[in-house]
Amino acid sequence: MVTGADSPIAVYVAAVRNDGVSESGDLGQRVDSAALADMSGGSELVVQNTSLSGTVGNDSASHVYSGDNLITGGSFAGEAGIPTVIQNSGSNVLIQSATVLNVQLKP
């Protein structure tokens, strides 16, 4: 682990420290591009393996009314983030869901 002035924490602190007005306004001192480049945690290889396994057995449903299953035009009004919809088609249904989000920030 890197310690001292080159540690990720020290670089972060230097980036947010405000020792007066810097060239970039009130954002604090700049961090050298080489220091930030050394902190890169990503790679071009993205591996995702999601395994869901479930069973439904020995279930019964009799005289069951599930109702309507509707998504209307305003269902996502004001939504922020990553909306997810999982709809159930009836009784005795196994619902499994997985979301994998890969975010890459590049200059």
Protein backbone atom coordinates (compact mmCIF):
# COMPACT_ATOMS: atom_id res chain seq x y z
CA MET A 1 0.00 0.00 0.00
CA VAL A 2 1.23 3.45 -0.90
CA THR A 3 1.78 5.75 2.07
CA GLY A 4 2.81 9.34 2.55
CA ALA A 5 2.20 12.15 0.07
CA ASP A 6 1.59 9.68 -2.80
CA SER A 7 -1.14 7.71 -1.01
CA PRO A 8 -4.65 7.88 -2.47
CA ILE A 9 -5.90 9.59 0.67
CA ALA A 10 -3.18 12.24 0.53
CA VAL A 11 -3.90 12.87 -3.15
CA TYR A 12 -7.61 13.19 -2.39
CA VAL A 13 -6.96 15.57 0.50
CA ALA A 14 -4.72 17.67 -1.74
CA ALA A 15 -7.46 17.79 -4.36
CA VAL A 16 -10.14 19.04 -1.99
CA ARG A 17 -8.03 21.22 0.30
CA ASN A 18 -8.74 24.90 -0.05
CA ASP A 19 -5.70 26.94 0.96
CA GLY A 20 -7.06 30.11 -0.54
CA VAL A 21 -8.00 30.81 -4.11
CA SER A 22 -6.33 28.54 -6.64
CA GLU A 23 -6.11 28.89 -10.40
CA SER A 24 -9.28 26.83 -10.73
CA GLY A 25 -11.36 28.99 -8.40
CA ASP A 26 -12.39 27.69 -4.99
CA LEU A 27 -11.79 24.02 -5.75
CA GLY A 28 -8.42 23.83 -3.98
CA GLN A 29 -5.02 22.88 -5.29
CA ARG A 30 -4.65 20.88 -8.46
CA VAL A 31 -3.48 17.30 -8.34
CA ASP A 32 -0.78 16.36 -10.82
CA SER A 33 -2.09 14.27 -13.72
CA ALA A 34 0.64 11.67 -13.16
CA ALA A 35 -0.52 11.17 -9.56
CA LEU A 36 -4.10 10.67 -10.71
CA ALA A 37 -2.99 8.30 -13.48
CA ASP A 38 -1.31 6.07 -10.90
CA MET A 39 -4.61 5.82 -9.00
CA SER A 40 -6.52 4.29 -11.91
CA GLY A 41 -8.39 1.23 -10.68
CA GLY A 42 -9.86 0.11 -13.95
CA SER A 43 -8.90 -1.97 -16.91
CA GLU A 44 -10.30 -2.63 -20.34
CA LEU A 45 -11.34 -6.16 -19.35
CA VAL A 46 -14.77 -6.29 -17.77
CA VAL A 47 -15.92 -9.65 -16.45
CA GLN A 48 -19.43 -10.15 -15.17
CA ASN A 49 -20.82 -13.46 -14.05
CA THR A 50 -24.21 -13.52 -12.39
CA SER A 51 -25.72 -16.84 -11.49
CA LEU A 52 -29.28 -17.01 -10.24
CA SER A 53 -30.83 -20.29 -9.30
CA GLY A 54 -34.24 -20.90 -7.84
CA THR A 55 -37.13 -23.33 -8.00
CA VAL A 56 -40.84 -23.30 -7.46
CA GLY A 57 -42.43 -26.64 -6.68
CA ASN A 58 -45.37 -28.25 -4.95
CA ASP A 59 -47.32 -24.99 -5.06
CA SER A 60 -50.96 -24.52 -5.84
CA ALA A 61 -53.28 -21.60 -6.40
CA SER A 62 -57.02 -21.91 -6.61
CA HIS A 63 -59.61 -19.20 -7.30
CA VAL A 64 -56.89 -16.53 -7.34
CA TYR A 65 -57.30 -13.20 -9.06
CA SER A 66 -53.99 -11.41 -9.51
CA GLY A 67 -55.29 -8.11 -10.86
CA ASP A 68 -53.91 -5.81 -13.52
CA ASN A 69 -50.23 -5.39 -14.17
CA LEU A 70 -49.79 -2.02 -15.85
CA ILE A 71 -47.00 0.45 -16.42
CA THR A 72 -48.42 3.74 -17.63
CA GLY A 73 -46.80 6.76 -19.24
CA GLY A 74 -46.26 8.57 -15.94
CA SER A 75 -44.90 5.60 -14.02
CA PHE A 76 -41.34 6.94 -14.13
CA ALA A 77 -42.11 10.64 -13.77
CA GLY A 78 -39.38 12.26 -11.69
CA GLU A 79 -37.31 9.06 -11.65
CA ALA A 80 -33.60 9.36 -10.91
CA GLY A 81 -30.91 6.74 -11.17
CA ILE A 82 -31.50 3.44 -12.91
CA PRO A 83 -35.17 2.50 -12.89
CA THR A 84 -35.91 -1.21 -12.69
CA VAL A 85 -39.22 -2.90 -13.37
CA ILE A 86 -40.03 -6.44 -12.36
CA GLN A 87 -43.52 -7.60 -13.24
CA ASN A 88 -45.22 -10.66 -11.83
CA SER A 89 -47.35 -12.58 -14.29
CA GLY A 90 -49.40 -14.41 -11.68
CA SER A 91 -49.37 -16.65 -8.66
CA ASN A 92 -46.62 -19.13 -7.75
CA VAL A 93 -44.02 -17.28 -9.79
CA LEU A 94 -40.34 -17.21 -8.95
CA ILE A 95 -38.85 -13.81 -9.72
CA GLN A 96 -35.09 -13.47 -9.87
CA SER A 97 -33.36 -10.30 -10.90
CA ALA A 98 -29.80 -9.08 -11.11
CA THR A 99 -28.39 -5.75 -12.18
CA VAL A 100 -24.77 -5.29 -13.12
CA LEU A 101 -23.61 -1.74 -13.59
CA ASN A 102 -20.23 -1.05 -15.15
CA VAL A 103 -19.26 2.62 -15.01
CA GLN A 104 -16.14 3.79 -16.79
CA LEU A 105 -15.08 7.41 -16.51
CA LYS A 106 -12.61 8.37 -19.20
CA PRO A 107 -11.14 11.75 -20.12
